[in-house]
C-alpha atoms as a PDB file:
ATOM      1  CA  MET A   1     -24.178  22.373  42.621  1.00  0.00           C
ATOM      2  CA  LYS A   2     -21.368  24.556  41.216  1.00  0.00           C
ATOM      3  CA  THR A   3     -18.790  22.006  42.355  1.00  0.00           C
ATOM      4  CA  ARG A   4     -20.686  19.245  40.570  1.00  0.00           C
ATOM      5  CA  ILE A   5     -20.804  21.234  37.312  1.00  0.00           C
ATOM      6  CA  LEU A   6     -17.114  22.053  37.631  1.00  0.00           C
ATOM      7  CA  ILE A   7     -16.286  18.362  38.122  1.00  0.00           C
ATOM      8  CA  ILE A   8     -18.367  17.377  35.087  1.00  0.00           C
ATOM      9  CA  ILE A   9     -16.702  20.030  32.931  1.00  0.00           C
ATOM     10  CA  SER A  10     -13.256  18.930  34.139  1.00  0.00           C
ATOM     11  CA  VAL A  11     -13.980  15.285  33.346  1.00  0.00           C
ATOM     12  CA  LEU A  12     -15.292  16.172  29.882  1.00  0.00           C
ATOM     13  CA  PHE A  13     -12.230  18.317  29.212  1.00  0.00           C
ATOM     14  CA  PHE A  14      -9.898  15.516  30.355  1.00  0.00           C
ATOM     15  CA  VAL A  15     -11.679  12.887  28.221  1.00  0.00           C
ATOM     16  CA  GLY A  16     -11.648  15.219  25.220  1.00  0.00           C
ATOM     17  CA  SER A  17      -7.960  15.944  25.690  1.00  0.00           C
ATOM     18  CA  ALA A  18      -7.109  12.267  26.042  1.00  0.00           C
ATOM     19  CA  TYR A  19      -9.031  11.448  22.859  1.00  0.00           C
ATOM     20  CA  ALA A  20      -7.382  14.280  20.942  1.00  0.00           C
ATOM     21  CA  GLN A  21      -3.931  13.013  21.928  1.00  0.00           C
ATOM     22  CA  GLU A  22      -4.674   9.624  20.369  1.00  0.00           C
ATOM     23  CA  MET A  23      -5.772  11.117  17.027  1.00  0.00           C
ATOM     24  CA  ASN A  24      -3.195  11.168  14.192  1.00  0.00           C
ATOM     25  CA  LYS A  25      -0.585   9.326  16.252  1.00  0.00           C
ATOM     26  CA  LYS A  26       2.757   8.661  14.577  1.00  0.00           C
ATOM     27  CA  TYR A  27       5.120   5.761  15.037  1.00  0.00           C
ATOM     28  CA  HIS A  28       8.697   5.427  13.813  1.00  0.00           C
ATOM     29  CA  ASP A  29       8.815   2.441  11.470  1.00  0.00           C
ATOM     30  CA  PRO A  30      12.375   1.074  11.631  1.00  0.00           C
ATOM     31  CA  GLU A  31      12.021  -0.819   8.339  1.00  0.00           C
ATOM     32  CA  LEU A  32      10.946   2.313   6.472  1.00  0.00           C
ATOM     33  CA  ASP A  33      13.075   4.548   8.690  1.00  0.00           C
ATOM     34  CA  ARG A  34      10.325   7.164   8.877  1.00  0.00           C
ATOM     35  CA  GLU A  35       7.270   8.174  10.837  1.00  0.00           C
ATOM     36  CA  VAL A  36       3.967   6.526   9.845  1.00  0.00           C
ATOM     37  CA  LEU A  37       0.437   7.227  11.008  1.00  0.00           C
ATOM     38  CA  VAL A  38      -1.151   4.623  13.278  1.00  0.00           C
ATOM     39  CA  GLY A  39      -4.534   4.452  14.950  1.00  0.00           C
ATOM     40  CA  TYR A  40      -7.462   6.800  14.530  1.00  0.00           C
ATOM     41  CA  CYS A  41      -6.954   9.644  12.085  1.00  0.00           C
ATOM     42  CA  ASP A  42      -8.895  12.562  10.752  1.00  0.00           C
ATOM     43  CA  LEU A  43      -8.635  14.660   7.630  1.00  0.00           C
ATOM     44  CA  ASN A  44      -6.121  16.959   9.322  1.00  0.00           C
ATOM     45  CA  GLY A  45      -3.797  14.024   9.955  1.00  0.00           C
ATOM     46  CA  ILE A  46      -3.953  12.545   6.474  1.00  0.00           C
ATOM     47  CA  GLU A  47      -3.426  15.894   4.787  1.00  0.00           C
ATOM     48  CA  GLN A  48       0.006  16.347   6.419  1.00  0.00           C
ATOM     49  CA  GLY A  49       3.431  15.547   5.030  1.00  0.00           C
ATOM     50  CA  GLU A  50       4.233  13.638   1.866  1.00  0.00           C
ATOM     51  CA  PHE A  51       1.110  11.466   2.121  1.00  0.00           C
ATOM     52  CA  GLY A  52      -0.957  14.634   2.522  1.00  0.00           C
ATOM     53  CA  GLU A  53       0.447  16.185  -0.631  1.00  0.00           C
ATOM     54  CA  ILE A  54      -0.351  13.035  -2.589  1.00  0.00           C
ATOM     55  CA  PHE A  55      -3.795  12.826  -0.937  1.00  0.00           C
ATOM     56  CA  LYS A  56      -4.684  16.404  -1.895  1.00  0.00           C
ATOM     57  CA  SER A  57      -3.423  15.996  -5.444  1.00  0.00           C
ATOM     58  CA  ASN A  58      -5.259  12.710  -6.078  1.00  0.00           C
ATOM     59  CA  TYR A  59      -8.434  14.058  -4.455  1.00  0.00           C
ATOM     60  CA  LYS A  60      -8.364  17.067  -6.755  1.00  0.00           C
ATOM     61  CA  ILE A  61      -7.859  15.140  -9.999  1.00  0.00           C
ATOM     62  CA  TYR A  62     -10.248  12.231  -9.354  1.00  0.00           C
ATOM     63  CA  GLU A  63     -13.381  12.526 -11.445  1.00  0.00           C
ATOM     64  CA  THR A  64     -16.443  10.796 -10.076  1.00  0.00           C
ATOM     65  CA  GLU A  65     -19.367   9.541 -12.117  1.00  0.00           C
ATOM     66  CA  PRO A  66     -22.286  11.930 -11.432  1.00  0.00           C
ATOM     67  CA  LEU A  67     -25.084   9.431 -12.174  1.00  0.00           C
ATOM     68  CA  ILE A  68     -23.554   6.836  -9.850  1.00  0.00           C
ATOM     69  CA  ILE A  69     -22.971   9.516  -7.189  1.00  0.00           C
ATOM     70  CA  LYS A  70     -26.688  10.432  -7.267  1.00  0.00           C
ATOM     71  CA  GLN A  71     -27.690   6.779  -6.866  1.00  0.00           C
ATOM     72  CA  ILE A  72     -25.314   6.293  -3.947  1.00  0.00           C
ATOM     73  CA  GLN A  73     -26.583   9.493  -2.344  1.00  0.00           C
ATOM     74  CA  SER A  74     -30.216   8.396  -2.548  1.00  0.00           C
ATOM     75  CA  ILE A  75     -29.434   5.091  -0.818  1.00  0.00           C
ATOM     76  CA  LEU A  76     -27.086   6.476   1.848  1.00  0.00           C
ATOM     77  CA  ASN A  77     -29.622   9.138   2.809  1.00  0.00           C
ATOM     78  CA  LYS A  78     -32.248   6.447   3.490  1.00  0.00           C
ATOM     79  CA  GLY A  79     -30.308   4.344   5.953  1.00  0.00           C
ATOM     80  CA  ASP A  80     -28.110   4.320   9.026  1.00  0.00           C
ATOM     81  CA  TYR A  81     -24.766   3.728   7.307  1.00  0.00           C
ATOM     82  CA  GLU A  82     -21.237   4.002   8.635  1.00  0.00           C
ATOM     83  CA  ILE A  83     -17.944   3.450   6.847  1.00  0.00           C
ATOM     84  CA  THR A  84     -14.577   2.440   8.279  1.00  0.00           C
ATOM     85  CA  SER A  85     -11.520   3.026   6.137  1.00  0.00           C
ATOM     86  CA  VAL A  86      -8.326   1.209   7.090  1.00  0.00           C
ATOM     87  CA  PHE A  87      -5.275   2.491   5.244  1.00  0.00           C
ATOM     88  CA  ALA A  88      -1.513   2.962   5.447  1.00  0.00           C
ATOM     89  CA  ASP A  89       0.359   6.147   4.640  1.00  0.00           C
ATOM     90  CA  TRP A  90       3.276   4.030   3.374  1.00  0.00           C
ATOM     91  CA  CYS A  91       1.083   2.149   0.865  1.00  0.00           C
ATOM     92  CA  SER A  92       0.779   3.233  -2.783  1.00  0.00           C
ATOM     93  CA  ASP A  93      -2.744   1.782  -3.085  1.00  0.00           C
ATOM     94  CA  SER A  94      -3.799   3.862  -0.070  1.00  0.00           C
ATOM     95  CA  GLU A  95      -2.216   6.964  -1.611  1.00  0.00           C
ATOM     96  CA  TYR A  96      -4.394   6.488  -4.658  1.00  0.00           C
ATOM     97  CA  GLN A  97      -7.631   4.959  -3.363  1.00  0.00           C
ATOM     98  CA  LEU A  98      -8.166   6.791  -0.042  1.00  0.00           C
ATOM     99  CA  PRO A  99      -8.424  10.297  -1.551  1.00  0.00           C
ATOM    100  CA  ASN A 100     -10.638   8.996  -4.341  1.00  0.00           C
ATOM    101  CA  PHE A 101     -12.944   7.281  -1.839  1.00  0.00           C
ATOM    102  CA  TYR A 102     -13.036  10.431   0.292  1.00  0.00           C
ATOM    103  CA  LYS A 103     -14.049  12.418  -2.774  1.00  0.00           C
ATOM    104  CA  VAL A 104     -16.901   9.992  -3.460  1.00  0.00           C
ATOM    105  CA  LEU A 105     -18.085  10.299   0.158  1.00  0.00           C
ATOM    106  CA  ASP A 106     -17.783  14.089   0.056  1.00  0.00           C
ATOM    107  CA  GLU A 107     -19.752  14.339  -3.179  1.00  0.00           C
ATOM    108  CA  VAL A 108     -22.603  12.213  -1.841  1.00  0.00           C
ATOM    109  CA  GLY A 109     -22.622  14.337   1.320  1.00  0.00           C
ATOM    110  CA  PHE A 110     -21.776  11.444   3.648  1.00  0.00           C
ATOM    111  CA  ALA A 111     -21.345  12.874   7.148  1.00  0.00           C
ATOM    112  CA  ASN A 112     -17.844  12.975   8.631  1.00  0.00           C
ATOM    113  CA  GLY A 113     -19.307  11.709  11.901  1.00  0.00           C
ATOM    114  CA  LYS A 114     -20.235   8.443  10.181  1.00  0.00           C
ATOM    115  CA  ARG A 115     -16.710   7.870   8.874  1.00  0.00           C
ATOM    116  CA  LYS A 116     -13.971   6.123  10.833  1.00  0.00           C
ATOM    117  CA  LEU A 117     -10.410   6.336   9.574  1.00  0.00           C
ATOM    118  CA  ILE A 118      -7.725   3.992  10.920  1.00  0.00           C
ATOM    119  CA  ALA A 119      -4.059   3.956   9.892  1.00  0.00           C
ATOM    120  CA  VAL A 120      -1.944   0.818  10.207  1.00  0.00           C
ATOM    121  CA  ASP A 121       1.738   0.029  10.233  1.00  0.00           C
ATOM    122  CA  ARG A 122       3.428  -2.522   7.944  1.00  0.00           C
ATOM    123  CA  SER A 123       2.165  -5.381  10.146  1.00  0.00           C
ATOM    124  CA  LYS A 124      -1.445  -4.150   9.712  1.00  0.00           C
ATOM    125  CA  ASN A 125      -1.377  -3.096  13.361  1.00  0.00           C
ATOM    126  CA  ALA A 126      -2.935   0.152  14.573  1.00  0.00           C
ATOM    127  CA  GLN A 127      -0.992   0.117  17.858  1.00  0.00           C
ATOM    128  CA  VAL A 128      -3.608   1.109  20.478  1.00  0.00           C
ATOM    129  CA  ILE A 129      -6.610  -0.218  18.500  1.00  0.00           C
ATOM    130  CA  ASP A 130      -7.469  -3.905  18.389  1.00  0.00           C
ATOM    131  CA  LEU A 131      -8.142  -4.579  14.703  1.00  0.00           C
ATOM    132  CA  SER A 132      -8.874  -8.304  15.044  1.00  0.00           C
ATOM    133  CA  GLU A 133     -12.607  -7.726  14.449  1.00  0.00           C
ATOM    134  CA  TYR A 134     -11.812  -6.065  11.097  1.00  0.00           C
ATOM    135  CA  ASP A 135      -9.748  -8.946   9.644  1.00  0.00           C
ATOM    136  CA  ILE A 136      -7.548  -6.602   7.620  1.00  0.00           C
ATOM    137  CA  GLN A 137      -5.392  -8.420   5.067  1.00  0.00           C
ATOM    138  CA  LEU A 138      -4.751  -5.655   2.519  1.00  0.00           C
ATOM    139  CA  VAL A 139      -4.924  -1.873   2.581  1.00  0.00           C
ATOM    140  CA  PRO A 140      -6.802   0.157   1.955  1.00  0.00           C
ATOM    141  CA  THR A 141      -9.945  -1.641   3.073  1.00  0.00           C
ATOM    142  CA  PHE A 142     -13.253   0.234   3.064  1.00  0.00           C
ATOM    143  CA  ILE A 143     -15.884  -1.462   5.247  1.00  0.00           C
ATOM    144  CA  ILE A 144     -19.519  -0.446   4.840  1.00  0.00           C
ATOM    145  CA  TYR A 145     -21.967  -0.938   7.718  1.00  0.00           C
ATOM    146  CA  LEU A 146     -25.748  -0.676   7.856  1.00  0.00           C
ATOM    147  CA  LYS A 147     -27.182  -0.360  11.363  1.00  0.00           C
ATOM    148  CA  GLY A 148     -23.882  -1.565  12.807  1.00  0.00           C
ATOM    149  CA  GLU A 149     -23.660  -4.700  10.650  1.00  0.00           C
ATOM    150  CA  GLU A 150     -21.057  -5.092   7.925  1.00  0.00           C
ATOM    151  CA  ILE A 151     -22.657  -5.307   4.487  1.00  0.00           C
ATOM    152  CA  GLY A 152     -19.587  -5.238   2.275  1.00  0.00           C
ATOM    153  CA  ARG A 153     -16.000  -4.216   1.615  1.00  0.00           C
ATOM    154  CA  ILE A 154     -13.847  -2.718  -1.053  1.00  0.00           C
ATOM    155  CA  ILE A 155     -10.391  -4.184  -0.586  1.00  0.00           C
ATOM    156  CA  GLU A 156      -7.201  -2.626  -1.953  1.00  0.00           C
ATOM    157  CA  THR A 157      -8.536  -1.661  -5.397  1.00  0.00           C
ATOM    158  CA  PRO A 158     -12.097  -1.629  -6.710  1.00  0.00           C
ATOM    159  CA  ASN A 159     -13.307  -4.270  -9.151  1.00  0.00           C
ATOM    160  CA  ASP A 160     -14.711  -1.510 -11.359  1.00  0.00           C
ATOM    161  CA  THR A 161     -14.667   2.002  -9.877  1.00  0.00           C
ATOM    162  CA  LEU A 162     -15.022   3.011  -6.250  1.00  0.00           C
ATOM    163  CA  GLU A 163     -18.449   4.494  -6.976  1.00  0.00           C
ATOM    164  CA  LYS A 164     -19.719   1.434  -8.849  1.00  0.00           C
ATOM    165  CA  ASP A 165     -18.388  -0.985  -6.247  1.00  0.00           C
ATOM    166  CA  LEU A 166     -19.908   1.060  -3.417  1.00  0.00           C
ATOM    167  CA  LEU A 167     -23.223   1.263  -5.245  1.00  0.00           C
ATOM    168  CA  ALA A 168     -23.223  -2.509  -5.794  1.00  0.00           C
ATOM    169  CA  ILE A 169     -22.685  -3.082  -2.055  1.00  0.00           C
ATOM    170  CA  LEU A 170     -25.471  -0.652  -1.152  1.00  0.00           C
ATOM    171  CA  LYS A 171     -27.925  -2.061  -3.702  1.00  0.00           C
ATOM    172  CA  ALA A 172     -27.312  -5.625  -2.511  1.00  0.00           C
ATOM    173  CA  LYS A 173     -28.674  -4.653   0.943  1.00  0.00           C
ATOM    174  CA  GLU A 174     -31.394  -2.235  -0.137  1.00  0.00           C
END
């Protein structure tokens, strides 16, 4: 029995370690002649380096619309939503829109566990992640899912504001 528990703990530790090694992976982009994030990321990864400084600054100064935030919050709390954000740390639109979108999600209290963050290189490739199912043409792309089914996207820049565009997507499927 003790051996079995030890084996299970070892396997869990190994799987956890392997997953952690794939988070916030960097790749040297020869065209840019610098390291860029690729693959799955978390807040720790996007808050590092030059991109991180820009992220933190833009997050801090972005002002959300409180009435829209409350409407988004009431809808998101009623359903099984997930959001995938595909971005590039070399992209000026990502530098601006990703922190603003994160602020919207933070203000509505959207759980980190329901957010997926994927960084891509200049070819819109995430290296170890097959992105063909996402059909990414421009970054950033924010994909909203309800019960595992895509219900809408905000691509590159919002039509109005991030909050209003997100609310429109959510209301269309309410």
